[in-house]
Amino acid sequence: MMIRLTEAQCRHAMSRGEFGPDVVGTAATVAVVLTQAWCPQWQWMRSYLDSLPDCPDSRIYYLEYDREPFYEEFLEFKEDTLGNREIPYVRYYREGRIAGDGNYIAKDGFLKRLGSAG
């Protein structure tokens, strides 16, 4: 099950340059997908992410930031601070630390990256 990021979690990331422990520390491996709702590649990813079984060792967070009142601010953060201008953008964490990132990826590749978090 995917978990939608809250505005507070996003504002924390924007002010500190990274997501907080209430996101990245919630499981051994965490993926954060940052995207816009209209993106066709996101729709393909979402179809397989929505069907993944729950796993106690992994969490998947997402944000469709074009639907948020803080869209412009978050877009600037994603592109300038996190350094990625493509969508969907995925950040992988292991044990609370960034372990890799990338963009659209097929299901098998996503599971491999999440499992190895990098």
C-alpha atoms as a PDB file:
ATOM      1  CA  MET A   1       0.000   0.000   0.000  1.00  0.00           C
ATOM      2  CA  MET A   2       1.306   3.422  -0.929  1.00  0.00           C
ATOM      3  CA  ILE A   3       1.167   6.269   1.571  1.00  0.00           C
ATOM      4  CA  ARG A   4       0.543   9.841   0.454  1.00  0.00           C
ATOM      5  CA  LEU A   5       3.027  12.339   1.869  1.00  0.00           C
ATOM      6  CA  THR A   6       1.466  15.011   4.054  1.00  0.00           C
ATOM      7  CA  GLU A   7       1.994  18.721   3.620  1.00  0.00           C
ATOM      8  CA  ALA A   8       3.917  18.783   6.916  1.00  0.00           C
ATOM      9  CA  GLN A   9       6.277  16.034   5.702  1.00  0.00           C
ATOM     10  CA  CYS A  10       6.850  17.932   2.449  1.00  0.00           C
ATOM     11  CA  ARG A  11       7.421  21.246   4.214  1.00  0.00           C
ATOM     12  CA  HIS A  12       9.945  19.557   6.496  1.00  0.00           C
ATOM     13  CA  ALA A  13      11.808  18.293   3.425  1.00  0.00           C
ATOM     14  CA  MET A  14      11.697  21.715   1.761  1.00  0.00           C
ATOM     15  CA  SER A  15      13.076  23.443   4.869  1.00  0.00           C
ATOM     16  CA  ARG A  16      15.760  20.846   5.681  1.00  0.00           C
ATOM     17  CA  GLY A  17      16.666  19.561   2.231  1.00  0.00           C
ATOM     18  CA  GLU A  18      15.615  15.980   2.950  1.00  0.00           C
ATOM     19  CA  PHE A  19      12.621  14.003   4.202  1.00  0.00           C
ATOM     20  CA  GLY A  20      12.479  13.429   7.931  1.00  0.00           C
ATOM     21  CA  PRO A  21      12.642  10.244   9.969  1.00  0.00           C
ATOM     22  CA  ASP A  22       8.830  10.085   9.982  1.00  0.00           C
ATOM     23  CA  VAL A  23       9.213   9.142   6.298  1.00  0.00           C
ATOM     24  CA  VAL A  24      12.654   7.642   5.715  1.00  0.00           C
ATOM     25  CA  GLY A  25      12.837   5.875   9.073  1.00  0.00           C
ATOM     26  CA  THR A  26       9.511   4.056   8.946  1.00  0.00           C
ATOM     27  CA  ALA A  27      10.915   0.802   7.513  1.00  0.00           C
ATOM     28  CA  ALA A  28      14.219  -0.815   6.622  1.00  0.00           C
ATOM     29  CA  THR A  29      13.729   0.245   2.994  1.00  0.00           C
ATOM     30  CA  VAL A  30      11.671   3.202   1.842  1.00  0.00           C
ATOM     31  CA  ALA A  31      10.853   4.597  -1.584  1.00  0.00           C
ATOM     32  CA  VAL A  32       9.541   8.132  -2.100  1.00  0.00           C
ATOM     33  CA  VAL A  33       7.923   8.805  -5.481  1.00  0.00           C
ATOM     34  CA  LEU A  34       7.579  12.470  -6.449  1.00  0.00           C
ATOM     35  CA  THR A  35       5.486  13.085  -9.531  1.00  0.00           C
ATOM     36  CA  GLN A  36       2.628  14.907 -11.208  1.00  0.00           C
ATOM     37  CA  ALA A  37      -0.779  13.300 -11.605  1.00  0.00           C
ATOM     38  CA  TRP A  38      -0.994  13.741 -15.392  1.00  0.00           C
ATOM     39  CA  CYS A  39       2.245  11.847 -16.149  1.00  0.00           C
ATOM     40  CA  PRO A  40       1.604   8.635 -18.171  1.00  0.00           C
ATOM     41  CA  GLN A  41       4.715   6.933 -16.765  1.00  0.00           C
ATOM     42  CA  TRP A  42       3.442   7.632 -13.257  1.00  0.00           C
ATOM     43  CA  GLN A  43       0.116   6.015 -14.146  1.00  0.00           C
ATOM     44  CA  TRP A  44       1.975   2.872 -15.274  1.00  0.00           C
ATOM     45  CA  MET A  45       4.074   2.846 -12.113  1.00  0.00           C
ATOM     46  CA  ARG A  46       1.064   3.499  -9.917  1.00  0.00           C
ATOM     47  CA  SER A  47      -0.784   0.523 -11.414  1.00  0.00           C
ATOM     48  CA  TYR A  48       1.890  -1.896 -10.214  1.00  0.00           C
ATOM     49  CA  LEU A  49       2.676  -0.046  -6.963  1.00  0.00           C
ATOM     50  CA  ASP A  50      -0.996  -0.152  -5.946  1.00  0.00           C
ATOM     51  CA  SER A  51      -1.010  -3.924  -6.438  1.00  0.00           C
ATOM     52  CA  LEU A  52       2.081  -4.715  -4.343  1.00  0.00           C
ATOM     53  CA  PRO A  53       1.419  -6.655  -1.152  1.00  0.00           C
ATOM     54  CA  ASP A  54       2.192  -4.950   2.152  1.00  0.00           C
ATOM     55  CA  CYS A  55       5.661  -5.707   3.421  1.00  0.00           C
ATOM     56  CA  PRO A  56       6.663  -4.847   7.004  1.00  0.00           C
ATOM     57  CA  ASP A  57      10.249  -4.122   5.924  1.00  0.00           C
ATOM     58  CA  SER A  58       9.334  -1.620   3.172  1.00  0.00           C
ATOM     59  CA  ARG A  59       7.258   1.536   2.764  1.00  0.00           C
ATOM     60  CA  ILE A  60       6.342   3.419  -0.392  1.00  0.00           C
ATOM     61  CA  TYR A  61       5.410   7.092  -0.141  1.00  0.00           C
ATOM     62  CA  TYR A  62       4.227   9.274  -2.994  1.00  0.00           C
ATOM     63  CA  LEU A  63       3.267  12.830  -3.801  1.00  0.00           C
ATOM     64  CA  GLU A  64       1.423  14.161  -6.839  1.00  0.00           C
ATOM     65  CA  TYR A  65       2.686  17.662  -6.179  1.00  0.00           C
ATOM     66  CA  ASP A  66       0.785  19.321  -9.031  1.00  0.00           C
ATOM     67  CA  ARG A  67      -2.350  18.728  -6.930  1.00  0.00           C
ATOM     68  CA  GLU A  68      -0.958  20.510  -3.875  1.00  0.00           C
ATOM     69  CA  PRO A  69      -1.381  24.159  -2.864  1.00  0.00           C
ATOM     70  CA  PHE A  70       2.414  24.350  -2.446  1.00  0.00           C
ATOM     71  CA  TYR A  71       3.057  23.113  -6.012  1.00  0.00           C
ATOM     72  CA  GLU A  72       5.462  25.864  -7.165  1.00  0.00           C
ATOM     73  CA  GLU A  73       7.479  25.732  -3.956  1.00  0.00           C
ATOM     74  CA  PHE A  74       7.760  21.938  -4.058  1.00  0.00           C
ATOM     75  CA  LEU A  75       8.632  21.898  -7.772  1.00  0.00           C
ATOM     76  CA  GLU A  76      11.517  24.271  -7.084  1.00  0.00           C
ATOM     77  CA  PHE A  77      12.682  22.084  -4.176  1.00  0.00           C
ATOM     78  CA  LYS A  78      12.549  18.902  -6.269  1.00  0.00           C
ATOM     79  CA  GLU A  79      14.319  20.391  -9.251  1.00  0.00           C
ATOM     80  CA  ASP A  80      16.872  22.630  -7.542  1.00  0.00           C
ATOM     81  CA  THR A  81      17.555  21.059  -4.144  1.00  0.00           C
ATOM     82  CA  LEU A  82      17.073  17.403  -5.063  1.00  0.00           C
ATOM     83  CA  GLY A  83      18.437  18.028  -8.556  1.00  0.00           C
ATOM     84  CA  ASN A  84      15.910  16.141 -10.645  1.00  0.00           C
ATOM     85  CA  ARG A  85      13.732  17.644 -13.370  1.00  0.00           C
ATOM     86  CA  GLU A  86      12.049  14.428 -14.577  1.00  0.00           C
ATOM     87  CA  ILE A  87       8.946  12.610 -13.369  1.00  0.00           C
ATOM     88  CA  PRO A  88       8.266  10.316 -11.782  1.00  0.00           C
ATOM     89  CA  TYR A  89      11.303  10.819  -9.547  1.00  0.00           C
ATOM     90  CA  VAL A  90      12.036   8.042  -7.037  1.00  0.00           C
ATOM     91  CA  ARG A  91      14.310   8.272  -3.999  1.00  0.00           C
ATOM     92  CA  TYR A  92      15.349   5.032  -2.275  1.00  0.00           C
ATOM     93  CA  TYR A  93      16.353   4.861   1.389  1.00  0.00           C
ATOM     94  CA  ARG A  94      17.913   2.127   3.478  1.00  0.00           C
ATOM     95  CA  GLU A  95      17.966   2.353   7.269  1.00  0.00           C
ATOM     96  CA  GLY A  96      16.974   6.028   7.120  1.00  0.00           C
ATOM     97  CA  ARG A  97      19.674   7.130   4.660  1.00  0.00           C
ATOM     98  CA  ILE A  98      19.491   7.925   0.967  1.00  0.00           C
ATOM     99  CA  ALA A  99      20.731   4.896  -0.953  1.00  0.00           C
ATOM    100  CA  GLY A 100      19.919   5.854  -4.541  1.00  0.00           C
ATOM    101  CA  ASP A 101      17.515   7.619  -6.833  1.00  0.00           C
ATOM    102  CA  GLY A 102      16.164   7.481 -10.344  1.00  0.00           C
ATOM    103  CA  ASN A 103      13.167   8.041 -12.519  1.00  0.00           C
ATOM    104  CA  TYR A 104      10.478   5.841 -14.083  1.00  0.00           C
ATOM    105  CA  ILE A 105      11.291   2.174 -13.656  1.00  0.00           C
ATOM    106  CA  ALA A 106       9.415  -1.040 -14.464  1.00  0.00           C
ATOM    107  CA  LYS A 107       8.115  -3.222 -11.632  1.00  0.00           C
ATOM    108  CA  ASP A 108      10.984  -5.737 -11.512  1.00  0.00           C
ATOM    109  CA  GLY A 109      13.566  -2.976 -11.484  1.00  0.00           C
ATOM    110  CA  PHE A 110      11.692  -1.058  -8.801  1.00  0.00           C
ATOM    111  CA  LEU A 111      11.480  -4.111  -6.559  1.00  0.00           C
ATOM    112  CA  LYS A 112      15.163  -4.822  -7.054  1.00  0.00           C
ATOM    113  CA  ARG A 113      16.122  -1.200  -6.259  1.00  0.00           C
ATOM    114  CA  LEU A 114      13.814  -1.106  -3.235  1.00  0.00           C
ATOM    115  CA  GLY A 115      15.134  -4.438  -1.972  1.00  0.00           C
ATOM    116  CA  SER A 116      18.724  -3.346  -2.303  1.00  0.00           C
ATOM    117  CA  ALA A 117      17.853   0.356  -1.803  1.00  0.00           C
ATOM    118  CA  GLY A 118      20.334   1.364  -4.412  1.00  0.00           C
END
